[in-house]
Amino acid sequence: MLKWILTLVIAIFLLGILTPHLARFIRFGRLPGDFAFRFRGRTYAFPFVSILLFSLLLWLLSRVL
């Protein structure tokens, strides 16, 4: 149980570090169907299509492995 929790914490940590850098290359959050708007000087983003594609990729990867 402890190994799974440690693995999950490390994976979330690495994803948190790598996601901003990878977003520049794969245009995560800027695909057609992703919504972003400004309200009172702040930008709010809702990457619906990006999340669907990312989930599909992870599902395919899990089926292959």
PDB file of N, CA and C in Angstrom:
ATOM      1  N   MET A   1       0.825  -1.197   0.000  1.00  0.00           N
ATOM      2  CA  MET A   1       0.000   0.000   0.000  1.00  0.00           C
ATOM      3  C   MET A   1       0.870   1.263   0.000  1.00  0.00           C
ATOM      4  N   LEU A   2       1.917   1.237   0.819  1.00  0.00           N
ATOM      5  CA  LEU A   2       2.797   2.392   0.907  1.00  0.00           C
ATOM      6  C   LEU A   2       3.530   2.632  -0.412  1.00  0.00           C
ATOM      7  N   LYS A   3       3.891   1.558  -1.109  1.00  0.00           N
ATOM      8  CA  LYS A   3       4.574   1.692  -2.398  1.00  0.00           C
ATOM      9  C   LYS A   3       3.672   2.380  -3.421  1.00  0.00           C
ATOM     10  N   TRP A   4       2.376   2.040  -3.424  1.00  0.00           N
ATOM     11  CA  TRP A   4       1.449   2.655  -4.379  1.00  0.00           C
ATOM     12  C   TRP A   4       1.258   4.134  -4.080  1.00  0.00           C
ATOM     13  N   ILE A   5       1.166   4.489  -2.826  1.00  0.00           N
ATOM     14  CA  ILE A   5       0.999   5.891  -2.453  1.00  0.00           C
ATOM     15  C   ILE A   5       2.246   6.681  -2.827  1.00  0.00           C
ATOM     16  N   LEU A   6       3.407   6.129  -2.565  1.00  0.00           N
ATOM     17  CA  LEU A   6       4.658   6.792  -2.920  1.00  0.00           C
ATOM     18  C   LEU A   6       4.777   6.944  -4.436  1.00  0.00           C
ATOM     19  N   THR A   7       4.422   5.922  -5.184  1.00  0.00           N
ATOM     20  CA  THR A   7       4.449   5.993  -6.641  1.00  0.00           C
ATOM     21  C   THR A   7       3.492   7.058  -7.158  1.00  0.00           C
ATOM     22  N   LEU A   8       2.305   7.128  -6.590  1.00  0.00           N
ATOM     23  CA  LEU A   8       1.322   8.131  -6.993  1.00  0.00           C
ATOM     24  C   LEU A   8       1.809   9.543  -6.696  1.00  0.00           C
ATOM     25  N   VAL A   9       2.397   9.756  -5.531  1.00  0.00           N
ATOM     26  CA  VAL A   9       2.919  11.076  -5.173  1.00  0.00           C
ATOM     27  C   VAL A   9       4.039  11.486  -6.117  1.00  0.00           C
ATOM     28  N   ILE A  10       4.931  10.578  -6.425  1.00  0.00           N
ATOM     29  CA  ILE A  10       6.042  10.887  -7.343  1.00  0.00           C
ATOM     30  C   ILE A  10       5.511  11.186  -8.746  1.00  0.00           C
ATOM     31  N   ALA A  11       4.536  10.402  -9.211  1.00  0.00           N
ATOM     32  CA  ALA A  11       3.968  10.629 -10.547  1.00  0.00           C
ATOM     33  C   ALA A  11       3.281  11.992 -10.627  1.00  0.00           C
ATOM     34  N   ILE A  12       2.517  12.351  -9.614  1.00  0.00           N
ATOM     35  CA  ILE A  12       1.846  13.659  -9.609  1.00  0.00           C
ATOM     36  C   ILE A  12       2.872  14.785  -9.556  1.00  0.00           C
ATOM     37  N   PHE A  13       3.923  14.601  -8.774  1.00  0.00           N
ATOM     38  CA  PHE A  13       4.982  15.604  -8.695  1.00  0.00           C
ATOM     39  C   PHE A  13       5.654  15.809 -10.051  1.00  0.00           C
ATOM     40  N   LEU A  14       6.008  14.703 -10.709  1.00  0.00           N
ATOM     41  CA  LEU A  14       6.663  14.803 -12.015  1.00  0.00           C
ATOM     42  C   LEU A  14       5.734  15.404 -13.069  1.00  0.00           C
ATOM     43  N   LEU A  15       4.459  15.018 -13.056  1.00  0.00           N
ATOM     44  CA  LEU A  15       3.506  15.609 -14.000  1.00  0.00           C
ATOM     45  C   LEU A  15       3.351  17.109 -13.769  1.00  0.00           C
ATOM     46  N   GLY A  16       3.359  17.513 -12.518  1.00  0.00           N
ATOM     47  CA  GLY A  16       3.255  18.936 -12.205  1.00  0.00           C
ATOM     48  C   GLY A  16       4.441  19.731 -12.717  1.00  0.00           C
ATOM     49  N   ILE A  17       5.611  19.117 -12.711  1.00  0.00           N
ATOM     50  CA  ILE A  17       6.808  19.796 -13.205  1.00  0.00           C
ATOM     51  C   ILE A  17       6.851  19.785 -14.731  1.00  0.00           C
ATOM     52  N   LEU A  18       6.503  18.657 -15.341  1.00  0.00           N
ATOM     53  CA  LEU A  18       6.662  18.506 -16.786  1.00  0.00           C
ATOM     54  C   LEU A  18       5.525  19.101 -17.621  1.00  0.00           C
ATOM     55  N   THR A  19       4.342  19.202 -17.076  1.00  0.00           N
ATOM     56  CA  THR A  19       3.182  19.646 -17.857  1.00  0.00           C
ATOM     57  C   THR A  19       3.356  21.031 -18.475  1.00  0.00           C
ATOM     58  N   PRO A  20       3.825  22.053 -17.736  1.00  0.00           N
ATOM     59  CA  PRO A  20       3.990  23.360 -18.390  1.00  0.00           C
ATOM     60  C   PRO A  20       4.983  23.348 -19.549  1.00  0.00           C
ATOM     61  N   HIS A  21       6.028  22.544 -19.425  1.00  0.00           N
ATOM     62  CA  HIS A  21       7.027  22.473 -20.496  1.00  0.00           C
ATOM     63  C   HIS A  21       6.490  21.713 -21.707  1.00  0.00           C
ATOM     64  N   LEU A  22       5.756  20.635 -21.452  1.00  0.00           N
ATOM     65  CA  LEU A  22       5.179  19.861 -22.551  1.00  0.00           C
ATOM     66  C   LEU A  22       4.030  20.599 -23.229  1.00  0.00           C
ATOM     67  N   ALA A  23       3.358  21.466 -22.503  1.00  0.00           N
ATOM     68  CA  ALA A  23       2.213  22.184 -23.057  1.00  0.00           C
ATOM     69  C   ALA A  23       2.627  23.077 -24.218  1.00  0.00           C
ATOM     70  N   ARG A  24       3.850  23.573 -24.185  1.00  0.00           N
ATOM     71  CA  ARG A  24       4.320  24.415 -25.292  1.00  0.00           C
ATOM     72  C   ARG A  24       4.493  23.621 -26.580  1.00  0.00           C
ATOM     73  N   PHE A  25       4.848  22.353 -26.458  1.00  0.00           N
ATOM     74  CA  PHE A  25       5.103  21.541 -27.640  1.00  0.00           C
ATOM     75  C   PHE A  25       3.852  20.892 -28.206  1.00  0.00           C
ATOM     76  N   ILE A  26       2.921  20.481 -27.351  1.00  0.00           N
ATOM     77  CA  ILE A  26       1.738  19.781 -27.854  1.00  0.00           C
ATOM     78  C   ILE A  26       0.492  20.653 -27.855  1.00  0.00           C
ATOM     79  N   ARG A  27       0.654  21.926 -27.539  1.00  0.00           N
ATOM     80  CA  ARG A  27      -0.450  22.898 -27.537  1.00  0.00           C
ATOM     81  C   ARG A  27      -1.594  22.442 -26.632  1.00  0.00           C
ATOM     82  N   PHE A  28      -1.281  21.875 -25.496  1.00  0.00           N
ATOM     83  CA  PHE A  28      -2.280  21.431 -24.534  1.00  0.00           C
ATOM     84  C   PHE A  28      -3.068  22.638 -24.046  1.00  0.00           C
ATOM     85  N   GLY A  29      -4.379  22.575 -24.159  1.00  0.00           N
ATOM     86  CA  GLY A  29      -5.226  23.673 -23.723  1.00  0.00           C
ATOM     87  C   GLY A  29      -5.536  24.690 -24.799  1.00  0.00           C
ATOM     88  N   ARG A  30      -5.025  24.496 -26.003  1.00  0.00           N
ATOM     89  CA  ARG A  30      -5.266  25.448 -27.096  1.00  0.00           C
ATOM     90  C   ARG A  30      -5.830  24.773 -28.332  1.00  0.00           C
ATOM     91  N   LEU A  31      -6.428  23.628 -28.159  1.00  0.00           N
ATOM     92  CA  LEU A  31      -7.041  22.921 -29.275  1.00  0.00           C
ATOM     93  C   LEU A  31      -8.446  23.467 -29.520  1.00  0.00           C
ATOM     94  N   PRO A  32      -9.007  23.249 -30.711  1.00  0.00           N
ATOM     95  CA  PRO A  32     -10.394  23.655 -30.933  1.00  0.00           C
ATOM     96  C   PRO A  32     -11.307  22.904 -29.966  1.00  0.00           C
ATOM     97  N   GLY A  33     -12.143  23.631 -29.288  1.00  0.00           N
ATOM     98  CA  GLY A  33     -13.024  23.031 -28.296  1.00  0.00           C
ATOM     99  C   GLY A  33     -12.583  23.313 -26.871  1.00  0.00           C
ATOM    100  N   ASP A  34     -11.395  23.874 -26.708  1.00  0.00           N
ATOM    101  CA  ASP A  34     -10.920  24.314 -25.406  1.00  0.00           C
ATOM    102  C   ASP A  34     -11.322  25.773 -25.229  1.00  0.00           C
ATOM    103  N   PHE A  35     -11.904  26.075 -24.103  1.00  0.00           N
ATOM    104  CA  PHE A  35     -12.410  27.425 -23.868  1.00  0.00           C
ATOM    105  C   PHE A  35     -11.503  28.174 -22.912  1.00  0.00           C
ATOM    106  N   ALA A  36     -11.236  29.426 -23.236  1.00  0.00           N
ATOM    107  CA  ALA A  36     -10.471  30.314 -22.357  1.00  0.00           C
ATOM    108  C   ALA A  36     -11.090  31.700 -22.464  1.00  0.00           C
ATOM    109  N   PHE A  37     -11.265  32.328 -21.320  1.00  0.00           N
ATOM    110  CA  PHE A  37     -11.813  33.683 -21.338  1.00  0.00           C
ATOM    111  C   PHE A  37     -11.225  34.489 -20.190  1.00  0.00           C
ATOM    112  N   ARG A  38     -11.264  35.804 -20.355  1.00  0.00           N
ATOM    113  CA  ARG A  38     -10.767  36.722 -19.342  1.00  0.00           C
ATOM    114  C   ARG A  38     -11.949  37.329 -18.603  1.00  0.00           C
ATOM    115  N   PHE A  39     -11.816  37.398 -17.293  1.00  0.00           N
ATOM    116  CA  PHE A  39     -12.845  38.009 -16.462  1.00  0.00           C
ATOM    117  C   PHE A  39     -12.149  38.738 -15.321  1.00  0.00           C
ATOM    118  N   ARG A  40     -12.329  40.035 -15.282  1.00  0.00           N
ATOM    119  CA  ARG A  40     -11.736  40.892 -14.253  1.00  0.00           C
ATOM    120  C   ARG A  40     -10.225  40.725 -14.154  1.00  0.00           C
ATOM    121  N   GLY A  41      -9.564  40.682 -15.302  1.00  0.00           N
ATOM    122  CA  GLY A  41      -8.108  40.628 -15.339  1.00  0.00           C
ATOM    123  C   GLY A  41      -7.487  39.255 -15.151  1.00  0.00           C
ATOM    124  N   ARG A  42      -8.302  38.224 -14.971  1.00  0.00           N
ATOM    125  CA  ARG A  42      -7.782  36.864 -14.827  1.00  0.00           C
ATOM    126  C   ARG A  42      -8.212  36.030 -16.015  1.00  0.00           C
ATOM    127  N   THR A  43      -7.391  35.083 -16.388  1.00  0.00           N
ATOM    128  CA  THR A  43      -7.710  34.181 -17.492  1.00  0.00           C
ATOM    129  C   THR A  43      -8.130  32.836 -16.925  1.00  0.00           C
ATOM    130  N   TYR A  44      -9.292  32.387 -17.370  1.00  0.00           N
ATOM    131  CA  TYR A  44      -9.819  31.084 -16.959  1.00  0.00           C
ATOM    132  C   TYR A  44      -9.840  30.173 -18.177  1.00  0.00           C
ATOM    133  N   ALA A  45      -9.310  28.967 -18.024  1.00  0.00           N
ATOM    134  CA  ALA A  45      -9.237  28.029 -19.141  1.00  0.00           C
ATOM    135  C   ALA A  45      -9.956  26.746 -18.783  1.00  0.00           C
ATOM    136  N   PHE A  46     -10.697  26.220 -19.739  1.00  0.00           N
ATOM    137  CA  PHE A  46     -11.398  24.950 -19.608  1.00  0.00           C
ATOM    138  C   PHE A  46     -11.015  24.075 -20.794  1.00  0.00           C
ATOM    139  N   PRO A  47      -9.951  23.258 -20.658  1.00  0.00           N
ATOM    140  CA  PRO A  47      -9.447  22.468 -21.789  1.00  0.00           C
ATOM    141  C   PRO A  47     -10.209  21.151 -21.973  1.00  0.00           C
ATOM    142  N   PHE A  48     -11.459  21.236 -22.404  1.00  0.00           N
ATOM    143  CA  PHE A  48     -12.294  20.042 -22.543  1.00  0.00           C
ATOM    144  C   PHE A  48     -11.722  19.046 -23.550  1.00  0.00           C
ATOM    145  N   VAL A  49     -11.396  19.497 -24.738  1.00  0.00           N
ATOM    146  CA  VAL A  49     -10.918  18.598 -25.790  1.00  0.00           C
ATOM    147  C   VAL A  49      -9.529  18.051 -25.453  1.00  0.00           C
ATOM    148  N   SER A  50      -8.685  18.881 -24.878  1.00  0.00           N
ATOM    149  CA  SER A  50      -7.352  18.418 -24.504  1.00  0.00           C
ATOM    150  C   SER A  50      -7.431  17.302 -23.464  1.00  0.00           C
ATOM    151  N   ILE A  51      -8.316  17.449 -22.504  1.00  0.00           N
ATOM    152  CA  ILE A  51      -8.477  16.419 -21.477  1.00  0.00           C
ATOM    153  C   ILE A  51      -9.014  15.128 -22.086  1.00  0.00           C
ATOM    154  N   LEU A  52      -9.954  15.247 -23.014  1.00  0.00           N
ATOM    155  CA  LEU A  52     -10.479  14.049 -23.671  1.00  0.00           C
ATOM    156  C   LEU A  52      -9.395  13.323 -24.461  1.00  0.00           C
ATOM    157  N   LEU A  53      -8.588  14.069 -25.203  1.00  0.00           N
ATOM    158  CA  LEU A  53      -7.507  13.446 -25.969  1.00  0.00           C
ATOM    159  C   LEU A  53      -6.454  12.833 -25.059  1.00  0.00           C
ATOM    160  N   PHE A  54      -6.116  13.517 -23.991  1.00  0.00           N
ATOM    161  CA  PHE A  54      -5.131  13.002 -23.046  1.00  0.00           C
ATOM    162  C   PHE A  54      -5.650  11.727 -22.376  1.00  0.00           C
ATOM    163  N   SER A  55      -6.925  11.710 -22.019  1.00  0.00           N
ATOM    164  CA  SER A  55      -7.521  10.519 -21.417  1.00  0.00           C
ATOM    165  C   SER A  55      -7.536   9.359 -22.401  1.00  0.00           C
ATOM    166  N   LEU A  56      -7.838   9.650 -23.658  1.00  0.00           N
ATOM    167  CA  LEU A  56      -7.829   8.609 -24.680  1.00  0.00           C
ATOM    168  C   LEU A  56      -6.428   8.036 -24.876  1.00  0.00           C
ATOM    169  N   LEU A  57      -5.424   8.901 -24.894  1.00  0.00           N
ATOM    170  CA  LEU A  57      -4.044   8.428 -25.024  1.00  0.00           C
ATOM    171  C   LEU A  57      -3.636   7.550 -23.843  1.00  0.00           C
ATOM    172  N   LEU A  58      -3.986   7.968 -22.637  1.00  0.00           N
ATOM    173  CA  LEU A  58      -3.654   7.158 -21.470  1.00  0.00           C
ATOM    174  C   LEU A  58      -4.386   5.825 -21.483  1.00  0.00           C
ATOM    175  N   TRP A  59      -5.641   5.826 -21.927  1.00  0.00           N
ATOM    176  CA  TRP A  59      -6.408   4.584 -22.017  1.00  0.00           C
ATOM    177  C   TRP A  59      -5.765   3.638 -23.034  1.00  0.00           C
ATOM    178  N   LEU A  60      -5.400   4.179 -24.200  1.00  0.00           N
ATOM    179  CA  LEU A  60      -4.750   3.343 -25.222  1.00  0.00           C
ATOM    180  C   LEU A  60      -3.426   2.795 -24.716  1.00  0.00           C
ATOM    181  N   LEU A  61      -2.661   3.630 -24.022  1.00  0.00           N
ATOM    182  CA  LEU A  61      -1.394   3.183 -23.476  1.00  0.00           C
ATOM    183  C   LEU A  61      -1.594   2.074 -22.450  1.00  0.00           C
ATOM    184  N   SER A  62      -2.594   2.197 -21.616  1.00  0.00           N
ATOM    185  CA  SER A  62      -2.855   1.158 -20.614  1.00  0.00           C
ATOM    186  C   SER A  62      -3.327  -0.135 -21.262  1.00  0.00           C
ATOM    187  N   ARG A  63      -4.058  -0.050 -22.382  1.00  0.00           N
ATOM    188  CA  ARG A  63      -4.513  -1.262 -23.081  1.00  0.00           C
ATOM    189  C   ARG A  63      -3.346  -1.975 -23.754  1.00  0.00           C
ATOM    190  N   VAL A  64      -2.369  -1.217 -24.245  1.00  0.00           N
ATOM    191  CA  VAL A  64      -1.212  -1.804 -24.918  1.00  0.00           C
ATOM    192  C   VAL A  64      -0.306  -2.483 -23.904  1.00  0.00           C
ATOM    193  N   LEU A  65      -0.106  -1.822 -22.766  1.00  0.00           N
ATOM    194  CA  LEU A  65       0.783  -2.399 -21.749  1.00  0.00           C
ATOM    195  C   LEU A  65       0.011  -3.415 -20.966  1.00  0.00           C
TER     196      LEU A  65
END
